[in-house]
Amino acid sequence: MNASFETLRTELTDGVLTATLNAPPINMIGPEVVRDLVTLLGRLSRTTEVRVVVFDSADADFFISHVDLTKVAEYSAEAAKAGGGPEDAFLGMVLRKLSEVPVVTIAKLRGRARGAGSEFVLACDMCFAARENALLGQPECGFGVAPGAGGVQHLARLLGRGRAMEMILGAQDADADLAERYGWINRALPDAELDDFVATLARRIASFPSAAIRSTKRALNELTLAPVDAVRADGRRFQELVAAPEVQDRSKELFGRGFQTRGQLELDLGARIAELPAAG
């Protein structure tokens, strides 16, 4: 697949496309990432040469940190270009297309995947994570918003009601072992074994008849994915809440402490978000 992207590096070998996220300083989802993702998904929907996509990160500390809160309008505008009407101008609808593309998608997780990063992982067909360094989290409630791009829908179905409540309302990080035990990811593997395991599985799937893979994926999606209207409702809820004065105040406090810069706050966000002043 010949493609030029700003925030993705791609390499195709024997039907397996490796797509490496590279959006310094901390792999936030902003308009550039969404633009590249929309382009990639459009090409994957038409390709016959790609059978499996493996997503990984060029940043050892951050798979995808979260959305860029200073550019919600801009990345939403890019999301609208994925197709559909104005009601689809949400990141969650782009990630829904990630779940529906007629190729198999695998997240190979090292580092942090919080907020929309976790939702990106959840939108993939599978996720395998490095035991030593992978972290997942939905910190949105700590800001005063709700997950808006699939976190509520996926985690309620995968984890069950109580555990989804724990992880979303508690806004805490889950390491790879906990994520595996709760069903957030497929498996936690030693970092030294992760690359070979994912490569072997990807090549194995890519070697099978594509009609069977595509048809079976569609059937599984019909059984497990949330209704599209629920995804849209989550997107609207996020955009309404993110404009609230309390959210703006809490975000301002976090920006003052180093939010969205490469530093200890972002590394430890799951713990540090609880240090904000208690809400009234």
C-alpha atoms as a PDB file:
ATOM      1  CA  MET A   1       0.000   0.000   0.000  1.00  0.00           C
ATOM      2  CA  ASN A   2       1.591   3.197  -1.192  1.00  0.00           C
ATOM      3  CA  ALA A   3       0.636   6.017   1.158  1.00  0.00           C
ATOM      4  CA  SER A   4       2.071   9.180   2.603  1.00  0.00           C
ATOM      5  CA  PHE A   5       1.040  10.075   6.142  1.00  0.00           C
ATOM      6  CA  GLU A   6       2.046  12.755   8.590  1.00  0.00           C
ATOM      7  CA  THR A   7       1.642  10.734  11.797  1.00  0.00           C
ATOM      8  CA  LEU A   8       1.843   7.121  10.634  1.00  0.00           C
ATOM      9  CA  ARG A   9       4.676   5.014   9.276  1.00  0.00           C
ATOM     10  CA  THR A  10       3.474   2.038   7.256  1.00  0.00           C
ATOM     11  CA  GLU A  11       5.150  -1.101   5.972  1.00  0.00           C
ATOM     12  CA  LEU A  12       3.439  -3.949   4.099  1.00  0.00           C
ATOM     13  CA  THR A  13       4.828  -7.490   4.120  1.00  0.00           C
ATOM     14  CA  ASP A  14       2.947 -10.593   2.938  1.00  0.00           C
ATOM     15  CA  GLY A  15      -0.482  -9.109   3.535  1.00  0.00           C
ATOM     16  CA  VAL A  16       0.356  -7.666   6.968  1.00  0.00           C
ATOM     17  CA  LEU A  17       0.494  -3.873   7.223  1.00  0.00           C
ATOM     18  CA  THR A  18       2.383  -2.446  10.181  1.00  0.00           C
ATOM     19  CA  ALA A  19       1.114   1.058  11.017  1.00  0.00           C
ATOM     20  CA  THR A  20       3.313   2.850  13.538  1.00  0.00           C
ATOM     21  CA  LEU A  21       1.861   5.874  15.317  1.00  0.00           C
ATOM     22  CA  ASN A  22       4.324   8.758  15.467  1.00  0.00           C
ATOM     23  CA  ALA A  23       2.852  12.071  16.674  1.00  0.00           C
ATOM     24  CA  PRO A  24       5.291  13.802  19.054  1.00  0.00           C
ATOM     25  CA  PRO A  25       5.477  14.877  21.767  1.00  0.00           C
ATOM     26  CA  ILE A  26       3.183  12.243  23.335  1.00  0.00           C
ATOM     27  CA  ASN A  27       1.064  10.732  20.552  1.00  0.00           C
ATOM     28  CA  MET A  28      -2.069  12.760  21.232  1.00  0.00           C
ATOM     29  CA  ILE A  29      -5.076  12.411  18.955  1.00  0.00           C
ATOM     30  CA  GLY A  30      -5.387  15.720  17.154  1.00  0.00           C
ATOM     31  CA  PRO A  31      -6.484  16.740  13.659  1.00  0.00           C
ATOM     32  CA  GLU A  32      -3.366  15.338  11.996  1.00  0.00           C
ATOM     33  CA  VAL A  33      -3.819  11.868  13.518  1.00  0.00           C
ATOM     34  CA  VAL A  34      -7.529  11.821  12.684  1.00  0.00           C
ATOM     35  CA  ARG A  35      -6.821  12.957   9.119  1.00  0.00           C
ATOM     36  CA  ASP A  36      -4.295  10.151   8.642  1.00  0.00           C
ATOM     37  CA  LEU A  37      -6.595   7.609  10.237  1.00  0.00           C
ATOM     38  CA  VAL A  38      -9.507   8.595   7.996  1.00  0.00           C
ATOM     39  CA  THR A  39      -7.249   8.270   4.942  1.00  0.00           C
ATOM     40  CA  LEU A  40      -5.925   4.899   6.064  1.00  0.00           C
ATOM     41  CA  LEU A  41      -9.395   3.514   6.788  1.00  0.00           C
ATOM     42  CA  GLY A  42     -10.606   4.640   3.382  1.00  0.00           C
ATOM     43  CA  ARG A  43      -7.790   2.747   1.707  1.00  0.00           C
ATOM     44  CA  LEU A  44      -8.264  -0.330   3.881  1.00  0.00           C
ATOM     45  CA  SER A  45     -11.924  -0.471   2.902  1.00  0.00           C
ATOM     46  CA  ARG A  46     -10.906  -0.848  -0.748  1.00  0.00           C
ATOM     47  CA  THR A  47      -7.701  -2.865  -0.612  1.00  0.00           C
ATOM     48  CA  THR A  48      -7.186  -6.511  -1.430  1.00  0.00           C
ATOM     49  CA  GLU A  49      -3.468  -6.565  -0.662  1.00  0.00           C
ATOM     50  CA  VAL A  50      -3.828  -5.915   3.082  1.00  0.00           C
ATOM     51  CA  ARG A  51      -5.401  -8.632   5.219  1.00  0.00           C
ATOM     52  CA  VAL A  52      -4.139  -7.695   8.697  1.00  0.00           C
ATOM     53  CA  VAL A  53      -3.069  -4.363  10.197  1.00  0.00           C
ATOM     54  CA  VAL A  54      -0.841  -4.223  13.267  1.00  0.00           C
ATOM     55  CA  PHE A  55      -0.856  -0.858  15.046  1.00  0.00           C
ATOM     56  CA  ASP A  56       2.105  -0.008  17.260  1.00  0.00           C
ATOM     57  CA  SER A  57       3.820   3.154  18.477  1.00  0.00           C
ATOM     58  CA  ALA A  58       7.142   4.851  17.806  1.00  0.00           C
ATOM     59  CA  ASP A  59       7.024   6.164  21.394  1.00  0.00           C
ATOM     60  CA  ALA A  60       7.942   3.636  24.084  1.00  0.00           C
ATOM     61  CA  ASP A  61       6.071   5.603  26.769  1.00  0.00           C
ATOM     62  CA  PHE A  62       2.864   6.505  24.915  1.00  0.00           C
ATOM     63  CA  PHE A  63       0.885   4.345  22.527  1.00  0.00           C
ATOM     64  CA  ILE A  64      -1.761   7.108  22.372  1.00  0.00           C
ATOM     65  CA  SER A  65      -1.919   9.429  25.350  1.00  0.00           C
ATOM     66  CA  HIS A  66      -5.452  10.871  24.816  1.00  0.00           C
ATOM     67  CA  VAL A  67      -7.096  13.529  22.671  1.00  0.00           C
ATOM     68  CA  ASP A  68      -5.650  17.011  22.374  1.00  0.00           C
ATOM     69  CA  LEU A  69      -8.130  18.988  24.476  1.00  0.00           C
ATOM     70  CA  THR A  70      -7.079  22.231  22.801  1.00  0.00           C
ATOM     71  CA  LYS A  71      -8.170  20.927  19.366  1.00  0.00           C
ATOM     72  CA  VAL A  72     -11.514  19.181  19.867  1.00  0.00           C
ATOM     73  CA  ALA A  73     -13.222  21.260  17.149  1.00  0.00           C
ATOM     74  CA  GLU A  74     -10.374  20.678  14.703  1.00  0.00           C
ATOM     75  CA  TYR A  75     -10.177  16.908  15.068  1.00  0.00           C
ATOM     76  CA  SER A  76     -13.983  16.673  15.004  1.00  0.00           C
ATOM     77  CA  ALA A  77     -13.940  18.479  11.656  1.00  0.00           C
ATOM     78  CA  GLU A  78     -11.464  15.918  10.339  1.00  0.00           C
ATOM     79  CA  ALA A  79     -13.641  13.112  11.710  1.00  0.00           C
ATOM     80  CA  ALA A  80     -16.544  14.421   9.648  1.00  0.00           C
ATOM     81  CA  LYS A  81     -14.557  13.667   6.502  1.00  0.00           C
ATOM     82  CA  ALA A  82     -14.855   9.945   7.177  1.00  0.00           C
ATOM     83  CA  GLY A  83     -18.327  10.062   5.648  1.00  0.00           C
ATOM     84  CA  GLY A  84     -21.863  10.298   6.928  1.00  0.00           C
ATOM     85  CA  GLY A  85     -23.636  13.501   7.877  1.00  0.00           C
ATOM     86  CA  PRO A  86     -23.016  16.164  10.537  1.00  0.00           C
ATOM     87  CA  GLU A  87     -24.263  13.697  13.153  1.00  0.00           C
ATOM     88  CA  ASP A  88     -21.142  11.607  12.494  1.00  0.00           C
ATOM     89  CA  ALA A  89     -18.565  14.338  13.222  1.00  0.00           C
ATOM     90  CA  PHE A  90     -17.279  12.462  16.268  1.00  0.00           C
ATOM     91  CA  LEU A  91     -14.057  10.576  16.906  1.00  0.00           C
ATOM     92  CA  GLY A  92     -16.167   7.622  18.003  1.00  0.00           C
ATOM     93  CA  MET A  93     -17.606   7.292  14.513  1.00  0.00           C
ATOM     94  CA  VAL A  94     -14.096   7.155  13.032  1.00  0.00           C
ATOM     95  CA  LEU A  95     -13.171   4.446  15.521  1.00  0.00           C
ATOM     96  CA  ARG A  96     -16.374   2.630  14.614  1.00  0.00           C
ATOM     97  CA  LYS A  97     -15.092   2.514  11.043  1.00  0.00           C
ATOM     98  CA  LEU A  98     -11.832   1.094  12.422  1.00  0.00           C
ATOM     99  CA  SER A  99     -13.874  -1.759  13.918  1.00  0.00           C
ATOM    100  CA  GLU A 100     -15.731  -2.326  10.652  1.00  0.00           C
ATOM    101  CA  VAL A 101     -12.945  -2.263   8.030  1.00  0.00           C
ATOM    102  CA  PRO A 102     -12.790  -5.580   6.139  1.00  0.00           C
ATOM    103  CA  VAL A 103      -9.316  -6.410   7.431  1.00  0.00           C
ATOM    104  CA  VAL A 104      -8.223  -7.691  10.834  1.00  0.00           C
ATOM    105  CA  THR A 105      -6.817  -5.018  13.158  1.00  0.00           C
ATOM    106  CA  ILE A 106      -4.444  -5.767  16.034  1.00  0.00           C
ATOM    107  CA  ALA A 107      -3.120  -3.277  18.598  1.00  0.00           C
ATOM    108  CA  LYS A 108       0.371  -4.114  19.854  1.00  0.00           C
ATOM    109  CA  LEU A 109       0.469  -2.109  23.040  1.00  0.00           C
ATOM    110  CA  ARG A 110       3.502  -0.705  24.763  1.00  0.00           C
ATOM    111  CA  GLY A 111       3.255   2.380  26.940  1.00  0.00           C
ATOM    112  CA  ARG A 112       0.139   4.340  27.859  1.00  0.00           C
ATOM    113  CA  ALA A 113      -3.243   4.216  26.118  1.00  0.00           C
ATOM    114  CA  ARG A 114      -5.603   6.496  27.988  1.00  0.00           C
ATOM    115  CA  GLY A 115      -8.915   8.087  27.032  1.00  0.00           C
ATOM    116  CA  ALA A 116      -9.165   7.995  23.244  1.00  0.00           C
ATOM    117  CA  GLY A 117      -5.996   5.889  23.248  1.00  0.00           C
ATOM    118  CA  SER A 118      -7.818   3.172  25.151  1.00  0.00           C
ATOM    119  CA  GLU A 119     -10.821   3.659  22.876  1.00  0.00           C
ATOM    120  CA  PHE A 120      -8.573   3.198  19.823  1.00  0.00           C
ATOM    121  CA  VAL A 121      -7.311  -0.083  21.302  1.00  0.00           C
ATOM    122  CA  LEU A 122     -10.871  -1.182  22.069  1.00  0.00           C
ATOM    123  CA  ALA A 123     -11.931  -0.430  18.490  1.00  0.00           C
ATOM    124  CA  CYS A 124      -9.286  -2.805  17.148  1.00  0.00           C
ATOM    125  CA  ASP A 125     -10.233  -6.451  16.744  1.00  0.00           C
ATOM    126  CA  MET A 126      -7.590  -7.596  19.211  1.00  0.00           C
ATOM    127  CA  CYS A 127      -4.999  -6.172  21.591  1.00  0.00           C
ATOM    128  CA  PHE A 128      -1.856  -7.729  23.008  1.00  0.00           C
ATOM    129  CA  ALA A 129       0.124  -5.780  25.584  1.00  0.00           C
ATOM    130  CA  ALA A 130       3.590  -5.764  27.124  1.00  0.00           C
ATOM    131  CA  ARG A 131       3.348  -6.847  30.743  1.00  0.00           C
ATOM    132  CA  GLU A 132       6.171  -4.606  31.925  1.00  0.00           C
ATOM    133  CA  ASN A 133       5.067  -1.251  30.554  1.00  0.00           C
ATOM    134  CA  ALA A 134       1.528  -1.155  29.113  1.00  0.00           C
ATOM    135  CA  LEU A 135      -1.126   0.931  30.891  1.00  0.00           C
ATOM    136  CA  LEU A 136      -4.743   1.572  29.929  1.00  0.00           C
ATOM    137  CA  GLY A 137      -7.132   4.083  31.417  1.00  0.00           C
ATOM    138  CA  GLN A 138     -10.297   6.095  30.904  1.00  0.00           C
ATOM    139  CA  PRO A 139      -9.517   9.248  32.921  1.00  0.00           C
ATOM    140  CA  GLU A 140     -12.386  11.337  31.536  1.00  0.00           C
ATOM    141  CA  CYS A 141     -14.518  11.380  34.696  1.00  0.00           C
ATOM    142  CA  GLY A 142     -11.561  12.880  36.535  1.00  0.00           C
ATOM    143  CA  PHE A 143     -11.794  15.851  34.179  1.00  0.00           C
ATOM    144  CA  GLY A 144     -15.563  16.055  34.495  1.00  0.00           C
ATOM    145  CA  VAL A 145     -16.503  14.473  31.175  1.00  0.00           C
ATOM    146  CA  ALA A 146     -17.466  10.978  30.036  1.00  0.00           C
ATOM    147  CA  PRO A 147     -15.684   8.745  27.527  1.00  0.00           C
ATOM    148  CA  GLY A 148     -16.971   9.863  24.157  1.00  0.00           C
ATOM    149  CA  ALA A 149     -15.419   7.565  21.558  1.00  0.00           C
ATOM    150  CA  GLY A 150     -16.460   4.057  22.510  1.00  0.00           C
ATOM    151  CA  GLY A 151     -15.075   3.504  25.999  1.00  0.00           C
ATOM    152  CA  VAL A 152     -18.473   3.208  27.665  1.00  0.00           C
ATOM    153  CA  GLN A 153     -19.873   0.900  25.005  1.00  0.00           C
ATOM    154  CA  HIS A 154     -16.899  -1.447  24.708  1.00  0.00           C
ATOM    155  CA  LEU A 155     -16.009  -1.684  28.385  1.00  0.00           C
ATOM    156  CA  ALA A 156     -19.582  -2.346  29.502  1.00  0.00           C
ATOM    157  CA  ARG A 157     -19.709  -5.275  27.085  1.00  0.00           C
ATOM    158  CA  LEU A 158     -16.211  -6.619  27.779  1.00  0.00           C
ATOM    159  CA  LEU A 159     -15.826  -6.048  31.513  1.00  0.00           C
ATOM    160  CA  GLY A 160     -19.410  -6.231  32.734  1.00  0.00           C
ATOM    161  CA  ARG A 161     -21.289  -3.494  34.546  1.00  0.00           C
ATOM    162  CA  GLY A 162     -19.429  -3.459  37.867  1.00  0.00           C
ATOM    163  CA  ARG A 163     -15.912  -3.544  36.473  1.00  0.00           C
ATOM    164  CA  ALA A 164     -16.769  -0.972  33.803  1.00  0.00           C
ATOM    165  CA  MET A 165     -18.076   1.285  36.588  1.00  0.00           C
ATOM    166  CA  GLU A 166     -14.877   0.742  38.568  1.00  0.00           C
ATOM    167  CA  MET A 167     -12.518   1.595  35.730  1.00  0.00           C
ATOM    168  CA  ILE A 168     -14.494   4.463  34.144  1.00  0.00           C
ATOM    169  CA  LEU A 169     -15.828   6.204  37.251  1.00  0.00           C
ATOM    170  CA  GLY A 170     -12.611   5.559  39.195  1.00  0.00           C
ATOM    171  CA  ALA A 171     -10.531   6.945  36.299  1.00  0.00           C
ATOM    172  CA  GLN A 172      -7.625   4.741  37.327  1.00  0.00           C
ATOM    173  CA  ASP A 173      -4.924   3.125  35.215  1.00  0.00           C
ATOM    174  CA  ALA A 174      -4.953  -0.618  34.643  1.00  0.00           C
ATOM    175  CA  ASP A 175      -1.679  -2.409  34.029  1.00  0.00           C
ATOM    176  CA  ALA A 176      -1.515  -5.179  31.457  1.00  0.00           C
ATOM    177  CA  ASP A 177      -2.121  -7.989  33.936  1.00  0.00           C
ATOM    178  CA  LEU A 178      -5.261  -6.346  35.348  1.00  0.00           C
ATOM    179  CA  ALA A 179      -6.474  -5.445  31.867  1.00  0.00           C
ATOM    180  CA  GLU A 180      -6.076  -9.068  30.797  1.00  0.00           C
ATOM    181  CA  ARG A 181      -7.866 -10.376  33.894  1.00  0.00           C
ATOM    182  CA  TYR A 182     -10.772  -7.954  33.383  1.00  0.00           C
ATOM    183  CA  GLY A 183     -11.044  -8.636  29.628  1.00  0.00           C
ATOM    184  CA  TRP A 184      -9.907  -5.196  28.436  1.00  0.00           C
ATOM    185  CA  ILE A 185      -7.216  -6.836  26.244  1.00  0.00           C
ATOM    186  CA  ASN A 186      -6.641 -10.294  24.819  1.00  0.00           C
ATOM    187  CA  ARG A 187      -3.367 -11.112  26.568  1.00  0.00           C
ATOM    188  CA  ALA A 188      -0.525  -9.628  28.563  1.00  0.00           C
ATOM    189  CA  LEU A 189       2.827 -10.942  27.370  1.00  0.00           C
ATOM    190  CA  PRO A 190       6.432 -10.368  28.400  1.00  0.00           C
ATOM    191  CA  ASP A 191       7.784  -7.449  26.389  1.00  0.00           C
ATOM    192  CA  ALA A 192      10.503  -9.657  24.909  1.00  0.00           C
ATOM    193  CA  GLU A 193       7.864 -12.026  23.488  1.00  0.00           C
ATOM    194  CA  LEU A 194       5.309  -9.484  22.259  1.00  0.00           C
ATOM    195  CA  ASP A 195       6.699  -8.774  18.769  1.00  0.00           C
ATOM    196  CA  ASP A 196       7.114 -12.439  17.791  1.00  0.00           C
ATOM    197  CA  PHE A 197       3.719 -13.420  19.152  1.00  0.00           C
ATOM    198  CA  VAL A 198       1.852 -10.688  17.267  1.00  0.00           C
ATOM    199  CA  ALA A 199       3.851 -11.218  14.068  1.00  0.00           C
ATOM    200  CA  THR A 200       3.143 -14.953  14.106  1.00  0.00           C
ATOM    201  CA  LEU A 201      -0.579 -14.466  14.695  1.00  0.00           C
ATOM    202  CA  ALA A 202      -0.837 -11.748  12.034  1.00  0.00           C
ATOM    203  CA  ARG A 203       0.940 -13.870   9.403  1.00  0.00           C
ATOM    204  CA  ARG A 204      -1.215 -16.873  10.315  1.00  0.00           C
ATOM    205  CA  ILE A 205      -4.465 -14.945   9.839  1.00  0.00           C
ATOM    206  CA  ALA A 206      -3.185 -13.309   6.648  1.00  0.00           C
ATOM    207  CA  SER A 207      -2.498 -16.762   5.180  1.00  0.00           C
ATOM    208  CA  PHE A 208      -6.123 -17.887   5.505  1.00  0.00           C
ATOM    209  CA  PRO A 209      -8.801 -17.403   2.793  1.00  0.00           C
ATOM    210  CA  SER A 210      -9.830 -13.758   3.008  1.00  0.00           C
ATOM    211  CA  ALA A 211     -13.535 -14.373   2.333  1.00  0.00           C
ATOM    212  CA  ALA A 212     -13.826 -16.477   5.480  1.00  0.00           C
ATOM    213  CA  ILE A 213     -11.964 -13.915   7.602  1.00  0.00           C
ATOM    214  CA  ARG A 214     -14.074 -10.990   6.381  1.00  0.00           C
ATOM    215  CA  SER A 215     -17.380 -12.820   6.687  1.00  0.00           C
ATOM    216  CA  THR A 216     -16.614 -14.067  10.184  1.00  0.00           C
ATOM    217  CA  LYS A 217     -15.491 -10.617  11.323  1.00  0.00           C
ATOM    218  CA  ARG A 218     -18.778  -9.120  10.093  1.00  0.00           C
ATOM    219  CA  ALA A 219     -20.751 -11.753  11.991  1.00  0.00           C
ATOM    220  CA  LEU A 220     -18.822 -11.143  15.208  1.00  0.00           C
ATOM    221  CA  ASN A 221     -19.266  -7.385  14.847  1.00  0.00           C
ATOM    222  CA  GLU A 222     -23.023  -7.820  14.447  1.00  0.00           C
ATOM    223  CA  LEU A 223     -23.100  -9.733  17.727  1.00  0.00           C
ATOM    224  CA  THR A 224     -20.813  -7.512  19.796  1.00  0.00           C
ATOM    225  CA  LEU A 225     -20.615  -3.892  18.596  1.00  0.00           C
ATOM    226  CA  ALA A 226     -22.837  -1.224  20.111  1.00  0.00           C
ATOM    227  CA  PRO A 227     -25.634   0.319  18.018  1.00  0.00           C
ATOM    228  CA  VAL A 228     -24.393   3.270  15.985  1.00  0.00           C
ATOM    229  CA  ASP A 229     -26.859   5.609  17.691  1.00  0.00           C
ATOM    230  CA  ALA A 230     -25.243   4.800  21.057  1.00  0.00           C
ATOM    231  CA  VAL A 231     -21.830   5.782  19.662  1.00  0.00           C
ATOM    232  CA  ARG A 232     -23.249   9.071  18.402  1.00  0.00           C
ATOM    233  CA  ALA A 233     -24.900   9.741  21.770  1.00  0.00           C
ATOM    234  CA  ASP A 234     -21.571   9.237  23.567  1.00  0.00           C
ATOM    235  CA  GLY A 235     -19.910  11.697  21.199  1.00  0.00           C
ATOM    236  CA  ARG A 236     -22.558  14.315  21.835  1.00  0.00           C
ATOM    237  CA  ARG A 237     -22.288  13.779  25.601  1.00  0.00           C
ATOM    238  CA  PHE A 238     -18.517  14.305  25.515  1.00  0.00           C
ATOM    239  CA  GLN A 239     -18.743  17.491  23.463  1.00  0.00           C
ATOM    240  CA  GLU A 240     -21.449  18.927  25.723  1.00  0.00           C
ATOM    241  CA  LEU A 241     -19.606  18.157  28.950  1.00  0.00           C
ATOM    242  CA  VAL A 242     -16.166  19.289  27.757  1.00  0.00           C
ATOM    243  CA  ALA A 243     -17.474  22.855  27.376  1.00  0.00           C
ATOM    244  CA  ALA A 244     -18.754  23.041  30.978  1.00  0.00           C
ATOM    245  CA  PRO A 245     -17.094  25.654  33.248  1.00  0.00           C
ATOM    246  CA  GLU A 246     -16.057  23.048  35.814  1.00  0.00           C
ATOM    247  CA  VAL A 247     -14.296  21.027  33.131  1.00  0.00           C
ATOM    248  CA  GLN A 248     -12.539  24.134  31.859  1.00  0.00           C
ATOM    249  CA  ASP A 249     -11.357  24.927  35.399  1.00  0.00           C
ATOM    250  CA  ARG A 250     -10.065  21.410  36.008  1.00  0.00           C
ATOM    251  CA  SER A 251      -8.346  21.346  32.628  1.00  0.00           C
ATOM    252  CA  LYS A 252      -6.707  24.707  33.326  1.00  0.00           C
ATOM    253  CA  GLU A 253      -5.359  23.333  36.595  1.00  0.00           C
ATOM    254  CA  LEU A 254      -3.926  20.308  34.814  1.00  0.00           C
ATOM    255  CA  PHE A 255      -2.360  22.416  32.059  1.00  0.00           C
ATOM    256  CA  GLY A 256      -0.688  24.441  34.800  1.00  0.00           C
ATOM    257  CA  ARG A 257       0.833  21.247  36.146  1.00  0.00           C
ATOM    258  CA  GLY A 258       2.195  20.091  32.777  1.00  0.00           C
ATOM    259  CA  PHE A 259      -0.723  18.428  31.037  1.00  0.00           C
ATOM    260  CA  GLN A 260      -0.140  17.617  27.354  1.00  0.00           C
ATOM    261  CA  THR A 261       3.621  17.996  27.731  1.00  0.00           C
ATOM    262  CA  ARG A 262       6.133  15.227  28.118  1.00  0.00           C
ATOM    263  CA  GLY A 263       6.668  14.936  31.846  1.00  0.00           C
ATOM    264  CA  GLN A 264       5.694  13.240  35.075  1.00  0.00           C
ATOM    265  CA  LEU A 265       2.075  14.409  35.048  1.00  0.00           C
ATOM    266  CA  GLU A 266       1.349  12.648  31.772  1.00  0.00           C
ATOM    267  CA  LEU A 267       3.334   9.589  32.771  1.00  0.00           C
ATOM    268  CA  ASP A 268       1.346   9.248  36.006  1.00  0.00           C
ATOM    269  CA  LEU A 269      -1.941  10.787  34.876  1.00  0.00           C
ATOM    270  CA  GLY A 270      -4.099   7.995  36.269  1.00  0.00           C
ATOM    271  CA  ALA A 271      -2.835   8.744  39.778  1.00  0.00           C
ATOM    272  CA  ARG A 272      -2.290  12.487  39.466  1.00  0.00           C
ATOM    273  CA  ILE A 273      -5.783  13.333  38.248  1.00  0.00           C
ATOM    274  CA  ALA A 274      -7.077  12.438  41.712  1.00  0.00           C
ATOM    275  CA  GLU A 275      -4.889  15.235  43.167  1.00  0.00           C
ATOM    276  CA  LEU A 276      -7.124  17.924  41.661  1.00  0.00           C
ATOM    277  CA  PRO A 277      -9.253  19.912  44.140  1.00  0.00           C
ATOM    278  CA  ALA A 278     -12.479  18.096  45.024  1.00  0.00           C
ATOM    279  CA  ALA A 279     -15.407  19.135  42.901  1.00  0.00           C
ATOM    280  CA  GLY A 280     -18.163  21.178  44.514  1.00  0.00           C
END
